[in-house]
Protein backbone atom coordinates (compact mmCIF):
# COMPACT_ATOMS: atom_id res chain seq x y z
CA MET A 1 108.13 116.78 23.78
CA SER A 2 111.54 118.09 23.82
CA LEU A 3 115.39 116.03 25.12
CA LEU A 4 118.62 116.76 23.50
CA ILE A 5 119.85 112.74 23.94
CA ALA A 6 124.05 113.00 25.06
CA SER A 7 125.99 109.92 25.57
CA ASP A 8 129.93 109.17 26.65
CA ILE A 9 131.09 112.26 27.76
CA HIS A 10 134.13 110.04 30.17
CA GLY A 11 135.25 112.80 32.03
CA SER A 12 135.80 115.60 29.14
CA VAL A 13 135.14 118.01 30.42
CA SER A 14 134.95 120.39 26.95
CA GLY A 15 132.82 117.44 26.08
CA ALA A 16 130.70 118.30 29.35
CA ASN A 17 131.00 122.43 28.01
CA LEU A 18 129.65 121.91 24.33
CA VAL A 19 126.68 119.85 26.31
CA ARG A 20 125.97 122.76 27.74
CA ASP A 21 126.05 125.09 25.14
CA LYS A 22 123.58 123.40 23.11
CA VAL A 23 121.40 122.82 25.77
CA LYS A 24 121.82 126.66 26.37
CA GLU A 25 120.81 126.83 22.51
CA LEU A 26 118.23 124.27 21.89
CA ALA A 27 116.25 124.93 25.71
CA PRO A 28 114.92 121.19 25.62
CA GLU A 29 112.69 120.56 28.01
CA ALA A 30 114.78 117.65 28.97
CA VAL A 31 118.88 116.18 28.94
CA LEU A 32 119.19 112.45 29.45
CA LEU A 33 122.82 110.84 29.56
CA LEU A 34 122.94 107.51 28.43
CA GLY A 35 126.29 107.17 30.77
CA ASP A 36 129.42 106.89 30.44
CA LEU A 37 129.72 110.51 31.77
CA LEU A 38 133.03 110.55 34.19
CA TYR A 39 136.01 107.69 34.36
CA HIS A 40 137.42 107.22 30.61
CA GLY A 41 137.32 103.44 30.90
CA PRO A 42 140.66 101.19 30.43
CA ARG A 43 140.53 100.85 26.77
CA ASN A 44 139.91 104.69 26.13
CA HIS A 45 143.01 107.41 25.23
CA LEU A 46 142.21 110.45 27.43
CA PRO A 47 139.80 112.03 26.27
CA ASP A 48 140.54 115.93 25.76
CA GLN A 49 140.57 117.92 29.02
CA TYR A 50 139.97 114.96 30.65
CA ALA A 51 138.82 116.08 34.61
CA PRO A 52 135.89 114.55 35.80
CA LEU A 53 135.26 116.85 38.80
CA GLU A 54 135.02 119.67 36.39
CA THR A 55 133.24 118.11 33.84
CA ALA A 56 130.19 116.29 36.90
CA THR A 57 130.57 120.29 38.14
CA VAL A 58 128.99 121.15 34.48
CA LEU A 59 126.40 118.33 34.10
CA ALA A 60 125.20 119.79 38.01
CA GLU A 61 124.43 123.05 36.69
CA LEU A 62 122.61 122.35 33.74
CA GLU A 63 119.54 124.11 34.03
CA VAL A 64 117.36 121.27 32.57
CA PRO A 65 115.49 118.25 34.11
CA ILE A 66 118.23 115.71 34.08
CA MET A 67 117.71 112.07 33.76
CA ALA A 68 120.47 109.61 33.31
CA VAL A 69 121.46 105.72 32.73
CA ARG A 70 124.75 104.40 34.06
CA GLY A 71 126.86 103.22 31.97
CA ASN A 72 129.37 100.24 32.03
CA CYS A 73 132.77 102.60 33.28
CA GLU A 74 130.64 104.18 35.84
CA ALA A 75 131.85 103.88 39.66
CA ASP A 76 130.05 103.81 43.18
CA VAL A 77 131.96 106.88 43.70
CA ASP A 78 130.57 108.40 40.34
CA GLN A 79 127.15 108.86 41.50
CA LEU A 80 128.87 110.48 45.23
CA MET A 81 129.89 112.73 42.19
CA LEU A 82 126.23 113.69 40.68
CA PRO A 83 123.73 115.37 42.02
CA PHE A 84 121.41 113.08 39.98
CA HIS A 85 120.75 109.57 40.38
CA LEU A 86 122.42 107.17 37.89
CA ALA A 87 119.83 104.25 36.91
CA GLU A 88 120.98 101.41 35.37
CA ASN A 89 117.80 101.68 32.43
CA ALA A 90 114.82 104.01 31.84
CA TRP A 91 111.17 103.61 30.56
CA LEU A 92 110.12 106.88 28.61
CA TRP A 93 106.53 107.35 26.85
CA LEU A 94 107.82 109.27 23.74
CA ASP A 95 104.34 110.70 21.47
CA GLY A 96 103.04 107.28 22.46
CA ARG A 97 105.75 104.74 22.17
CA ARG A 98 107.78 103.36 24.59
CA VAL A 99 111.39 103.56 24.77
CA LEU A 100 114.37 102.25 26.93
CA ALA A 101 116.49 103.79 27.10
CA LEU A 102 119.79 102.06 28.65
CA HIS A 103 123.60 102.61 28.28
CA GLY A 104 123.73 99.51 25.67
CA GLN A 105 126.69 96.74 27.50
CA GLN A 106 122.87 95.48 28.23
CA LEU A 107 122.53 94.30 24.41
CA PRO A 108 123.17 91.31 23.10
CA GLU A 109 125.32 92.29 19.90
CA ASN A 110 127.50 93.62 22.77
CA GLY A 111 127.63 90.37 24.96
CA GLY A 112 125.04 91.30 27.17
CA HIS A 113 122.04 89.05 27.69
CA LEU A 114 118.74 91.69 27.19
CA LYS A 115 115.92 90.87 25.80
CA ILE A 116 114.66 92.89 23.44
CA GLU A 117 110.35 92.85 23.11
CA ASN A 118 109.59 93.69 19.82
CA GLY A 119 108.37 97.37 18.57
CA LEU A 120 110.30 98.88 21.36
CA THR A 121 112.99 102.14 20.85
CA ILE A 122 116.17 101.63 22.63
CA LEU A 123 117.81 104.18 23.40
CA TYR A 124 121.29 103.68 24.20
CA GLY A 125 125.82 104.40 23.66
CA HIS A 126 128.54 102.56 24.56
CA SER A 127 129.04 102.03 20.71
CA HIS A 128 130.67 105.39 20.39
CA LEU A 129 128.52 105.13 16.88
CA PRO A 130 126.04 107.82 15.34
CA ILE A 131 122.65 105.27 14.81
CA ALA A 132 119.10 105.40 13.67
CA GLU A 133 118.12 101.30 12.41
CA LYS A 134 115.11 99.44 12.47
CA ARG A 135 116.02 95.89 13.31
CA GLY A 136 112.08 94.20 12.80
CA MET A 137 109.15 96.04 14.77
CA THR A 138 112.44 97.78 16.76
CA HIS A 139 114.36 101.17 16.55
CA TYR A 140 117.44 101.12 17.64
CA TRP A 141 118.61 105.18 18.16
CA ASN A 142 122.73 105.58 19.30
CA PRO A 143 123.39 109.44 19.96
CA GLY A 144 126.80 108.23 19.12
CA SER A 145 129.93 109.98 21.91
CA VAL A 146 130.32 113.73 22.61
CA ALA A 147 134.28 112.73 23.40
CA LEU A 148 135.49 109.44 22.04
CA PRO A 149 133.94 109.08 18.88
CA LYS A 150 134.33 105.78 16.51
CA GLY A 151 134.64 105.31 13.09
CA GLY A 152 135.93 109.02 12.06
CA HIS A 153 132.71 110.25 12.78
CA PRO A 154 132.47 113.42 14.53
CA PRO A 155 131.12 114.31 18.82
CA SER A 156 127.75 114.05 17.94
CA PHE A 157 124.66 114.64 20.35
CA GLY A 158 121.16 113.38 19.72
CA LEU A 159 117.62 115.92 20.05
CA TYR A 160 114.00 114.32 19.90
CA GLU A 161 111.40 116.18 18.97
CA LYS A 162 108.19 116.17 17.02
CA GLY A 163 108.46 112.21 16.71
CA ARG A 164 111.52 112.52 15.49
CA PHE A 165 115.09 111.81 16.91
CA THR A 166 118.57 113.28 14.44
CA VAL A 167 122.04 112.91 16.06
CA LEU A 168 123.81 115.77 15.10
CA SER A 169 127.85 117.13 14.98
CA PHE A 170 128.05 119.85 17.46
CA ASN A 171 128.84 122.18 14.44
CA GLY A 172 125.22 121.56 13.78
CA ASN A 173 125.35 118.66 10.63
CA SER A 174 122.86 116.30 10.37
CA LEU A 175 124.19 112.88 10.86
CA VAL A 176 121.20 109.94 11.12
CA ARG A 177 118.45 110.62 11.46
CA ASP A 178 115.34 107.80 12.75
CA ALA A 179 111.65 108.96 12.20
CA TRP A 180 108.91 106.89 13.74
């Protein structure tokens, strides 16, 4: 399975267009959106080309199946703007591995109370930082942010294919890689 993974678009129509263009270029079997899709949030600067309605339209026109989880900046009205469901989290099976997809505010390091089972792979956004790390037997993987990257990183997305997660900048440079 090939999966394009993006997070933290925050209402940036230029960010949504980057995702759309990568979907056309890479032709993944599906897209996984890890939350904070339309609203920029009170602690963030306005992203480039902030236009939530247009962002929702671009995401709605992706020509592949979309799975999406709700971020901490999502409001109930955001769900009305999108033609796909925003789940609180999602369980996936990828190459025999249990994968939990969530936004990330639920993780203990972010003040949440989620209990993490040993041996899981956690896909999350929220921090706006590209991450691939193993803690004990658990893999943590974050595609960074499409519209508001932090830590001096460029806008980025994730790609899962052939048993490997990779975070890429939109110009194609690999930022982090996690091989099972």
